[in-house]
Structure formats: C-alpha cells, structure tokens
C-alpha cells in the first residue's frame, strides 16, 4: 500500500515536470541557455545587440544577467503572441 502511494506520487511528479518542460519549449527551434531560460536564434541576436549597446566594455556578470533577463522577457512575449 505504501509503495503504491510512493509510485503514484513519483509518476504524477514526473508527468508534471515533463509537461512544464514541454510548455517552456513551445517555440520552434528553441534551446535552453540555463535552467528556465529558453531562447531562439532570433531572440539571441536581438538581445546580444541590446546588451552590447548597454554595456559596451567589460562587466561580464552584468552582461550575463542583462542577457538572461532580455532573453526571458523576449521569449515570454513571443510565446504569448504564438498562443
């Protein structure tokens, strides 16, 4: 009885994790840059240009965080338009 409960909980958790990953990768050609950060080639090039204008020299940590936030925002907007 206890084993059955654990197995059913594990199956439900696995299905939930799989469906969230499938929803996150809803745009065609999207790849994962970091956990929770998905992008497409178009979004990446747009955000790279934006970040290079804002932080032209140095500041690697600032560049990475700004790039991640730009990609997240642009991906969410593009996924919302697609739905």
Protein backbone atom coordinates (compact mmCIF):
# COMPACT_ATOMS: atom_id res chain seq x y z
CA UNK A 1 0.00 0.00 0.00
CA UNK A 2 2.75 2.47 0.94
CA UNK A 3 4.80 1.54 -2.12
CA UNK A 4 1.79 2.15 -4.34
CA UNK A 5 1.39 5.66 -2.91
CA UNK A 6 5.05 6.47 -3.50
CA UNK A 7 4.96 5.15 -7.05
CA UNK A 8 1.83 7.14 -7.90
CA UNK A 9 3.32 10.32 -6.41
CA UNK A 10 6.52 9.78 -8.41
CA UNK A 11 4.53 9.31 -11.63
CA UNK A 12 2.50 12.46 -11.05
CA UNK A 13 5.64 14.48 -10.28
CA UNK A 14 7.38 13.12 -13.37
CA UNK A 15 4.43 13.99 -15.59
CA UNK A 16 4.30 17.50 -14.15
CA UNK A 17 8.00 18.05 -14.75
CA UNK A 18 7.76 16.76 -18.33
CA UNK A 19 4.77 18.93 -19.18
CA UNK A 20 6.40 22.09 -17.82
CA UNK A 21 9.50 21.43 -19.93
CA UNK A 22 7.32 20.83 -22.98
CA UNK A 23 5.43 24.07 -22.39
CA UNK A 24 8.64 26.03 -21.90
CA UNK A 25 9.98 24.85 -25.23
CA UNK A 26 6.88 25.90 -27.13
CA UNK A 27 8.63 27.95 -29.82
CA UNK A 28 10.14 26.07 -32.77
CA UNK A 29 13.93 25.93 -32.75
CA UNK A 30 14.21 26.96 -29.11
CA UNK A 31 17.09 25.87 -26.90
CA UNK A 32 17.78 26.14 -23.18
CA UNK A 33 20.58 28.52 -22.20
CA UNK A 34 20.25 27.92 -18.47
CA UNK A 35 17.60 26.36 -16.25
CA UNK A 36 14.40 28.24 -17.04
CA UNK A 37 15.95 30.38 -19.79
CA UNK A 38 14.85 29.35 -23.30
CA UNK A 39 15.70 31.20 -26.50
CA UNK A 40 15.63 31.11 -30.27
CA UNK A 41 18.34 32.35 -32.65
CA UNK A 42 16.33 35.49 -33.44
CA UNK A 43 15.85 36.38 -29.78
CA UNK A 44 19.52 35.73 -29.03
CA UNK A 45 20.76 38.03 -31.78
CA UNK A 46 18.33 40.79 -30.79
CA UNK A 47 19.34 40.57 -27.13
CA UNK A 48 23.07 40.43 -27.93
CA UNK A 49 22.76 43.70 -29.84
CA UNK A 50 20.79 45.27 -26.98
CA UNK A 51 23.31 44.17 -24.34
CA UNK A 52 26.33 45.30 -26.37
CA UNK A 53 24.81 48.78 -26.69
CA UNK A 54 24.09 48.99 -22.95
CA UNK A 55 27.38 47.51 -21.67
CA UNK A 56 30.00 48.06 -24.39
CA UNK A 57 33.15 47.02 -22.45
CA UNK A 58 33.81 44.70 -19.51
CA UNK A 59 31.24 43.80 -16.89
CA UNK A 60 30.85 40.11 -17.69
CA UNK A 61 28.46 39.46 -14.82
CA UNK A 62 26.34 42.45 -15.80
CA UNK A 63 26.30 41.29 -19.42
CA UNK A 64 25.20 37.78 -18.44
CA UNK A 65 22.42 38.92 -16.15
CA UNK A 66 21.16 41.52 -18.64
CA UNK A 67 21.27 38.94 -21.44
CA UNK A 68 19.33 36.41 -19.37
CA UNK A 69 16.65 38.92 -18.44
CA UNK A 70 16.35 40.17 -22.03
CA UNK A 71 16.02 36.63 -23.37
CA UNK A 72 13.44 35.64 -20.75
CA UNK A 73 11.30 38.70 -21.47
CA UNK A 74 11.53 38.42 -25.27
CA UNK A 75 10.83 34.67 -25.19
CA UNK A 76 7.76 35.14 -22.99
CA UNK A 77 6.43 37.86 -25.31
CA UNK A 78 7.00 35.77 -28.42
CA UNK A 79 5.41 32.67 -26.83
CA UNK A 80 2.39 34.74 -25.76
CA UNK A 81 1.96 36.02 -29.34
CA UNK A 82 2.14 32.49 -30.69
CA UNK A 83 -0.70 31.22 -28.47
